[in-house]
Amino acid sequence: MIIELTTHDFNALLKGFAPVNTRLVSDSAIAPPEVLEMLARIAAEIGAEFMPSAWMIVEESEIVGLCSIIRAPQNGEIHIGYGVAPSRQGRGSVTRAIGELLEWARQDPRVTLVSADTAVENIASQRVLERNGFFRAGERIDPDDGPVICWQASAV
C-alpha cells in the first residue's frame, strides 16, 4: 500500500526512525541518507504547489520503499520515481504501489498522464511499469543516469 509522506515523516526517516504505525526494514535501508535528503527537498518544492508529492511503500506495516513525483507537474503530467530496499526487491511491492499510484492519479482531475524513466539495463523496473499498463514512449540520455527508457501511462 502507499501512504502519503509528510514533512514530519521525512524528518523521522532522516533521523533513522519510522513514522507512526510503521517500522523500518531491519536488514537494509530503504534509501541512502543523501537520497532521502534529496527526495525530502524535492517533495517540499513540489508540495508547495501540488500535493501529495511523495509516498511510502508499506507492506505489513513495514516501509519497504518510496515513490514520489520527481519534477514539478506540467500540463497534467506527473513524472514519478520509485525505489525499494534491496532486501525487499522481487516481491511485487513496487508493482502494487505503482498500481495504487495510478488509481490515485486517475481519480485526481489535475493528472492526465503519469511518466517515468528506467535505466536501459533495469529490466525489473521496466516490468513494473509494463505490468501497470505503461507504454514505452522513447529514449533519452540522462545527464546523471545515462541512457534511459521513457514510459507513460494515461491517467484519464
C-alpha atoms as a PDB file:
ATOM      1  CA  MET A   1       0.000   0.000   0.000  1.00  0.00           C
ATOM      2  CA  ILE A   2       1.105   3.584  -0.459  1.00  0.00           C
ATOM      3  CA  ILE A   3       0.866   6.117   2.356  1.00  0.00           C
ATOM      4  CA  GLU A   4       1.447   9.822   1.795  1.00  0.00           C
ATOM      5  CA  LEU A   5       4.815  11.022   3.120  1.00  0.00           C
ATOM      6  CA  THR A   6       4.616  14.245   5.100  1.00  0.00           C
ATOM      7  CA  THR A   7       7.422  16.609   6.084  1.00  0.00           C
ATOM      8  CA  HIS A   8       7.234  15.109   9.583  1.00  0.00           C
ATOM      9  CA  ASP A   9       7.618  11.588   8.105  1.00  0.00           C
ATOM     10  CA  PHE A  10      10.649  12.645   6.059  1.00  0.00           C
ATOM     11  CA  ASN A  11      12.210  14.164   9.183  1.00  0.00           C
ATOM     12  CA  ALA A  12      11.696  10.894  11.070  1.00  0.00           C
ATOM     13  CA  LEU A  13      13.218   8.863   8.236  1.00  0.00           C
ATOM     14  CA  LEU A  14      16.206  11.209   8.032  1.00  0.00           C
ATOM     15  CA  LYS A  15      16.811  10.619  11.759  1.00  0.00           C
ATOM     16  CA  GLY A  16      16.586   6.848  11.287  1.00  0.00           C
ATOM     17  CA  PHE A  17      13.096   6.444  12.762  1.00  0.00           C
ATOM     18  CA  ALA A  18       9.911   5.082  11.258  1.00  0.00           C
ATOM     19  CA  PRO A  19       6.837   7.313  11.106  1.00  0.00           C
ATOM     20  CA  VAL A  20       3.949   6.403  13.411  1.00  0.00           C
ATOM     21  CA  ASN A  21       2.355   2.978  12.874  1.00  0.00           C
ATOM     22  CA  THR A  22       5.160   1.761  10.614  1.00  0.00           C
ATOM     23  CA  ARG A  23       8.547   0.150  11.017  1.00  0.00           C
ATOM     24  CA  LEU A  24      11.754   0.286   9.010  1.00  0.00           C
ATOM     25  CA  VAL A  25      13.224  -2.629   7.110  1.00  0.00           C
ATOM     26  CA  SER A  26      15.652  -4.154   9.597  1.00  0.00           C
ATOM     27  CA  ASP A  27      18.244  -5.572   7.213  1.00  0.00           C
ATOM     28  CA  SER A  28      18.715  -2.804   4.616  1.00  0.00           C
ATOM     29  CA  ALA A  29      17.990   0.882   4.172  1.00  0.00           C
ATOM     30  CA  ILE A  30      15.072   1.974   2.003  1.00  0.00           C
ATOM     31  CA  ALA A  31      17.374   4.667   0.595  1.00  0.00           C
ATOM     32  CA  PRO A  32      20.789   6.149   1.441  1.00  0.00           C
ATOM     33  CA  PRO A  33      20.664   9.355   3.554  1.00  0.00           C
ATOM     34  CA  GLU A  34      21.660  11.563   0.623  1.00  0.00           C
ATOM     35  CA  VAL A  35      18.790  10.170  -1.461  1.00  0.00           C
ATOM     36  CA  LEU A  36      16.326  10.708   1.414  1.00  0.00           C
ATOM     37  CA  GLU A  37      17.547  14.301   1.728  1.00  0.00           C
ATOM     38  CA  MET A  38      17.148  14.872  -1.999  1.00  0.00           C
ATOM     39  CA  LEU A  39      13.639  13.346  -2.002  1.00  0.00           C
ATOM     40  CA  ALA A  40      12.604  15.428   1.018  1.00  0.00           C
ATOM     41  CA  ARG A  41      13.806  18.589  -0.750  1.00  0.00           C
ATOM     42  CA  ILE A  42      12.003  17.699  -3.994  1.00  0.00           C
ATOM     43  CA  ALA A  43       8.806  16.794  -2.094  1.00  0.00           C
ATOM     44  CA  ALA A  44       8.883  20.147  -0.275  1.00  0.00           C
ATOM     45  CA  GLU A  45       9.418  22.075  -3.520  1.00  0.00           C
ATOM     46  CA  ILE A  46       6.687  20.230  -5.408  1.00  0.00           C
ATOM     47  CA  GLY A  47       4.429  20.147  -2.333  1.00  0.00           C
ATOM     48  CA  ALA A  48       4.300  23.926  -2.295  1.00  0.00           C
ATOM     49  CA  GLU A  49       2.228  23.686  -5.499  1.00  0.00           C
ATOM     50  CA  PHE A  50       0.978  20.093  -5.718  1.00  0.00           C
ATOM     51  CA  MET A  51       0.052  17.604  -3.003  1.00  0.00           C
ATOM     52  CA  PRO A  52       0.529  14.761  -2.403  1.00  0.00           C
ATOM     53  CA  SER A  53       4.024  14.529  -3.842  1.00  0.00           C
ATOM     54  CA  ALA A  54       5.596  11.515  -2.082  1.00  0.00           C
ATOM     55  CA  TRP A  55       4.509   8.188  -0.637  1.00  0.00           C
ATOM     56  CA  MET A  56       5.900   5.353   1.470  1.00  0.00           C
ATOM     57  CA  ILE A  57       5.509   1.856   0.056  1.00  0.00           C
ATOM     58  CA  VAL A  58       4.295  -0.155   3.050  1.00  0.00           C
ATOM     59  CA  GLU A  59       3.831  -3.906   3.331  1.00  0.00           C
ATOM     60  CA  GLU A  60       2.536  -5.348   6.617  1.00  0.00           C
ATOM     61  CA  SER A  61       3.387  -2.074   8.445  1.00  0.00           C
ATOM     62  CA  GLU A  62       6.996  -2.171   7.148  1.00  0.00           C
ATOM     63  CA  ILE A  63       8.258   0.675   4.948  1.00  0.00           C
ATOM     64  CA  VAL A  64       9.858  -1.233   2.084  1.00  0.00           C
ATOM     65  CA  GLY A  65      10.327   1.644  -0.345  1.00  0.00           C
ATOM     66  CA  LEU A  66       9.397   5.115  -1.517  1.00  0.00           C
ATOM     67  CA  CYS A  67       7.775   6.641  -4.582  1.00  0.00           C
ATOM     68  CA  SER A  68       7.398  10.286  -5.437  1.00  0.00           C
ATOM     69  CA  ILE A  69       6.759  12.906  -8.030  1.00  0.00           C
ATOM     70  CA  ILE A  70      10.278  13.917  -9.005  1.00  0.00           C
ATOM     71  CA  ARG A  71       9.676  17.060 -11.021  1.00  0.00           C
ATOM     72  CA  ALA A  72       7.032  19.733 -10.977  1.00  0.00           C
ATOM     73  CA  PRO A  73       3.827  18.639 -12.737  1.00  0.00           C
ATOM     74  CA  GLN A  74       3.232  20.298 -16.105  1.00  0.00           C
ATOM     75  CA  ASN A  75       0.070  20.301 -18.194  1.00  0.00           C
ATOM     76  CA  GLY A  76      -1.404  17.404 -16.211  1.00  0.00           C
ATOM     77  CA  GLU A  77       1.717  15.213 -16.381  1.00  0.00           C
ATOM     78  CA  ILE A  78       3.365  13.898 -13.232  1.00  0.00           C
ATOM     79  CA  HIS A  79       6.771  12.268 -13.519  1.00  0.00           C
ATOM     80  CA  ILE A  80       7.454   9.642 -10.876  1.00  0.00           C
ATOM     81  CA  GLY A  81      10.409   7.786  -9.415  1.00  0.00           C
ATOM     82  CA  TYR A  82      10.457   4.876  -7.001  1.00  0.00           C
ATOM     83  CA  GLY A  83      12.763   2.550  -5.150  1.00  0.00           C
ATOM     84  CA  VAL A  84      12.646  -0.356  -2.756  1.00  0.00           C
ATOM     85  CA  ALA A  85      15.015  -1.664  -0.095  1.00  0.00           C
ATOM     86  CA  PRO A  86      17.419  -4.189  -1.680  1.00  0.00           C
ATOM     87  CA  SER A  87      16.274  -6.955   0.661  1.00  0.00           C
ATOM     88  CA  ARG A  88      12.634  -6.435  -0.404  1.00  0.00           C
ATOM     89  CA  GLN A  89      13.137  -6.450  -4.170  1.00  0.00           C
ATOM     90  CA  GLY A  90      11.369  -9.026  -6.310  1.00  0.00           C
ATOM     91  CA  ARG A  91       8.341  -9.372  -4.030  1.00  0.00           C
ATOM     92  CA  GLY A  92       5.846  -7.340  -6.075  1.00  0.00           C
ATOM     93  CA  SER A  93       5.538  -4.450  -3.642  1.00  0.00           C
ATOM     94  CA  VAL A  94       6.606  -1.823  -6.184  1.00  0.00           C
ATOM     95  CA  THR A  95       4.257  -3.245  -8.822  1.00  0.00           C
ATOM     96  CA  ARG A  96       1.368  -2.995  -6.338  1.00  0.00           C
ATOM     97  CA  ALA A  97       2.429   0.504  -5.232  1.00  0.00           C
ATOM     98  CA  ILE A  98       2.632   1.881  -8.771  1.00  0.00           C
ATOM     99  CA  GLY A  99      -0.786   0.348  -9.457  1.00  0.00           C
ATOM    100  CA  GLU A 100      -2.173   2.217  -6.436  1.00  0.00           C
ATOM    101  CA  LEU A 101      -0.465   5.411  -7.533  1.00  0.00           C
ATOM    102  CA  LEU A 102      -2.132   5.095 -10.948  1.00  0.00           C
ATOM    103  CA  GLU A 103      -5.503   4.526  -9.268  1.00  0.00           C
ATOM    104  CA  TRP A 104      -4.980   7.730  -7.266  1.00  0.00           C
ATOM    105  CA  ALA A 105      -3.873   9.641 -10.403  1.00  0.00           C
ATOM    106  CA  ARG A 106      -6.973   8.515 -12.286  1.00  0.00           C
ATOM    107  CA  GLN A 107      -9.159   9.940  -9.508  1.00  0.00           C
ATOM    108  CA  ASP A 108      -7.327  13.285  -9.425  1.00  0.00           C
ATOM    109  CA  PRO A 109      -8.624  15.690 -12.097  1.00  0.00           C
ATOM    110  CA  ARG A 110      -5.281  17.542 -12.100  1.00  0.00           C
ATOM    111  CA  VAL A 111      -3.495  14.485 -13.545  1.00  0.00           C
ATOM    112  CA  THR A 112      -3.852  13.285 -17.141  1.00  0.00           C
ATOM    113  CA  LEU A 113      -0.553  11.463 -17.664  1.00  0.00           C
ATOM    114  CA  VAL A 114       1.956   9.633 -15.470  1.00  0.00           C
ATOM    115  CA  SER A 115       5.504   9.244 -16.763  1.00  0.00           C
ATOM    116  CA  ALA A 116       8.653   7.535 -15.508  1.00  0.00           C
ATOM    117  CA  ASP A 117      12.149   6.702 -16.741  1.00  0.00           C
ATOM    118  CA  THR A 118      14.077   3.474 -16.302  1.00  0.00           C
ATOM    119  CA  ALA A 119      17.705   2.691 -16.933  1.00  0.00           C
ATOM    120  CA  VAL A 120      18.064   0.638 -20.099  1.00  0.00           C
ATOM    121  CA  GLU A 121      19.521  -2.275 -18.107  1.00  0.00           C
ATOM    122  CA  ASN A 122      16.915  -2.142 -15.296  1.00  0.00           C
ATOM    123  CA  ILE A 123      14.640  -4.903 -16.562  1.00  0.00           C
ATOM    124  CA  ALA A 124      12.847  -5.328 -13.207  1.00  0.00           C
ATOM    125  CA  SER A 125      11.742  -1.685 -13.180  1.00  0.00           C
ATOM    126  CA  GLN A 126      10.658  -1.933 -16.807  1.00  0.00           C
ATOM    127  CA  ARG A 127       8.475  -4.936 -15.898  1.00  0.00           C
ATOM    128  CA  VAL A 128       6.884  -2.964 -13.005  1.00  0.00           C
ATOM    129  CA  LEU A 129       5.785  -0.289 -15.452  1.00  0.00           C
ATOM    130  CA  GLU A 130       4.669  -2.733 -18.150  1.00  0.00           C
ATOM    131  CA  ARG A 131       2.559  -4.670 -15.613  1.00  0.00           C
ATOM    132  CA  ASN A 132       0.808  -1.401 -14.786  1.00  0.00           C
ATOM    133  CA  GLY A 133      -0.013  -0.502 -18.377  1.00  0.00           C
ATOM    134  CA  PHE A 134       2.785   1.975 -19.074  1.00  0.00           C
ATOM    135  CA  PHE A 135       3.973   2.084 -22.658  1.00  0.00           C
ATOM    136  CA  ARG A 136       7.427   2.842 -23.947  1.00  0.00           C
ATOM    137  CA  ALA A 137       7.370   6.433 -25.215  1.00  0.00           C
ATOM    138  CA  GLY A 138      11.007   6.825 -26.265  1.00  0.00           C
ATOM    139  CA  GLU A 139      14.575   7.006 -25.036  1.00  0.00           C
ATOM    140  CA  ARG A 140      16.889   9.796 -23.974  1.00  0.00           C
ATOM    141  CA  ILE A 141      20.279  10.354 -22.380  1.00  0.00           C
ATOM    142  CA  ASP A 142      20.015  11.492 -18.766  1.00  0.00           C
ATOM    143  CA  PRO A 143      22.991  13.592 -17.603  1.00  0.00           C
ATOM    144  CA  ASP A 144      23.212  11.579 -14.357  1.00  0.00           C
ATOM    145  CA  ASP A 145      21.927   8.132 -15.329  1.00  0.00           C
ATOM    146  CA  GLY A 146      22.965   7.774 -18.970  1.00  0.00           C
ATOM    147  CA  PRO A 147      20.603   6.069 -21.432  1.00  0.00           C
ATOM    148  CA  VAL A 148      17.046   5.751 -20.117  1.00  0.00           C
ATOM    149  CA  ILE A 149      13.757   4.483 -21.469  1.00  0.00           C
ATOM    150  CA  CYS A 150      10.844   6.925 -21.138  1.00  0.00           C
ATOM    151  CA  TRP A 151       7.467   5.446 -20.128  1.00  0.00           C
ATOM    152  CA  GLN A 152       3.939   6.861 -19.976  1.00  0.00           C
ATOM    153  CA  ALA A 153       0.510   5.791 -18.745  1.00  0.00           C
ATOM    154  CA  SER A 154      -2.750   7.639 -19.236  1.00  0.00           C
ATOM    155  CA  ALA A 155      -4.494   8.833 -16.102  1.00  0.00           C
ATOM    156  CA  VAL A 156      -7.805   9.583 -17.809  1.00  0.00           C
END
